[in-house]
Protein backbone atom coordinates (compact mmCIF):
# COMPACT_ATOMS: atom_id res chain seq x y z
CA UNK A 1 2.18 11.67 15.77
CA UNK A 2 1.13 14.99 14.30
CA UNK A 3 3.89 15.02 11.72
CA UNK A 4 3.42 11.34 10.83
CA UNK A 5 -0.38 11.85 10.34
CA UNK A 6 0.22 14.98 8.30
CA UNK A 7 2.74 13.20 6.11
CA UNK A 8 0.46 10.18 5.52
CA UNK A 9 -2.48 12.39 4.66
CA UNK A 10 -0.60 14.71 2.39
CA UNK A 11 0.83 11.69 0.46
CA UNK A 12 -2.59 10.09 0.19
CA UNK A 13 -4.20 13.36 -0.94
CA UNK A 14 -1.64 13.69 -3.70
CA UNK A 15 -2.07 10.11 -4.93
CA UNK A 16 -5.84 10.33 -4.77
CA UNK A 17 -5.93 13.69 -6.59
CA UNK A 18 -3.69 12.19 -9.36
CA UNK A 19 -5.87 9.03 -9.54
CA UNK A 20 -8.98 11.21 -9.94
CA UNK A 21 -7.33 13.59 -12.38
CA UNK A 22 -7.70 16.50 -10.00
CA UNK A 23 -4.43 18.07 -10.98
CA UNK A 24 -5.35 21.74 -10.97
CA UNK A 25 -3.19 23.78 -8.58
CA UNK A 26 -6.50 25.34 -7.41
CA UNK A 27 -8.05 22.05 -6.28
CA UNK A 28 -8.38 22.05 -2.48
CA UNK A 29 -7.97 19.05 -0.20
CA UNK A 30 -11.64 19.37 0.62
CA UNK A 31 -12.53 18.99 -3.06
CA UNK A 32 -10.40 15.95 -3.32
CA UNK A 33 -12.08 14.45 -0.29
CA UNK A 34 -15.50 15.24 -1.85
CA UNK A 35 -14.77 13.66 -5.20
CA UNK A 36 -13.04 10.68 -3.60
CA UNK A 37 -16.06 9.99 -1.39
CA UNK A 38 -18.45 10.25 -4.38
CA UNK A 39 -16.20 8.13 -6.62
CA UNK A 40 -15.72 5.36 -4.08
CA UNK A 41 -19.31 5.67 -2.96
CA UNK A 42 -18.27 6.18 0.63
CA UNK A 43 -19.68 8.45 3.39
CA UNK A 44 -18.33 11.98 2.73
CA UNK A 45 -17.95 12.86 6.33
CA UNK A 46 -15.85 9.76 7.02
CA UNK A 47 -13.69 10.40 4.03
CA UNK A 48 -13.18 14.05 5.11
CA UNK A 49 -12.31 12.93 8.62
CA UNK A 50 -9.77 10.42 7.23
CA UNK A 51 -8.13 12.85 4.86
CA UNK A 52 -8.55 16.13 6.80
CA UNK A 53 -9.20 15.27 10.45
CA UNK A 54 -7.34 16.07 13.57
CA UNK A 55 -4.12 14.46 14.62
CA UNK A 56 -4.45 10.96 16.12
CA UNK A 57 -4.47 10.93 19.98
CA UNK A 58 -2.14 7.96 20.35
CA UNK A 59 -0.13 5.38 18.42
CA UNK A 60 -3.14 3.04 18.02
CA UNK A 61 -5.08 5.91 16.40
CA UNK A 62 -2.24 6.62 14.08
CA UNK A 63 -2.24 2.96 12.91
CA UNK A 64 -5.99 3.11 12.37
CA UNK A 65 -5.51 6.32 10.32
CA UNK A 66 -2.90 4.52 8.15
CA UNK A 67 -5.27 1.60 7.66
CA UNK A 68 -8.19 3.95 6.80
CA UNK A 69 -6.12 5.80 4.22
CA UNK A 70 -5.05 2.47 2.71
CA UNK A 71 -8.70 1.29 2.58
CA UNK A 72 -9.77 4.52 0.93
CA UNK A 73 -7.03 4.30 -1.83
CA UNK A 74 -7.94 0.64 -2.50
CA UNK A 75 -11.56 1.57 -2.83
CA UNK A 76 -10.53 4.11 -5.42
CA UNK A 77 -8.49 1.65 -7.32
CA UNK A 78 -11.40 -0.84 -7.75
CA UNK A 79 -12.84 -1.08 -11.31
CA UNK A 80 -16.15 0.27 -9.96
CA UNK A 81 -14.40 3.55 -9.04
CA UNK A 82 -14.17 4.70 -12.62
CA UNK A 83 -16.43 6.59 -14.94
CA UNK A 84 -17.66 10.18 -14.89
CA UNK A 85 -17.26 10.69 -11.10
CA UNK A 86 -13.71 9.41 -11.26
CA UNK A 87 -12.66 11.96 -13.78
CA UNK A 88 -15.04 14.81 -12.93
CA UNK A 89 -13.50 18.25 -12.97
CA UNK A 90 -13.76 20.29 -9.74
CA UNK A 91 -14.23 23.99 -9.93
CA UNK A 92 -13.47 26.16 -6.96
């Protein structure tokens, strides 16, 4: 489960970073989570837990993680998730 969760999260972080134009090599996963939460108008703690949390305890938790990542990406693809926050630059 650890590897599967890490793979799902890494792929989601890459897609989200690209969607939000956070392409700098110095952009951290934490920054991607922060901008994603602000852009999608979602709870920052929940977004951080979804993108950066611990490994799922069981198969059901892994499935929930996959669903939460999908929900987050869909929220970022909605027309409302555009504008200044969607393209904001992040500085370390």
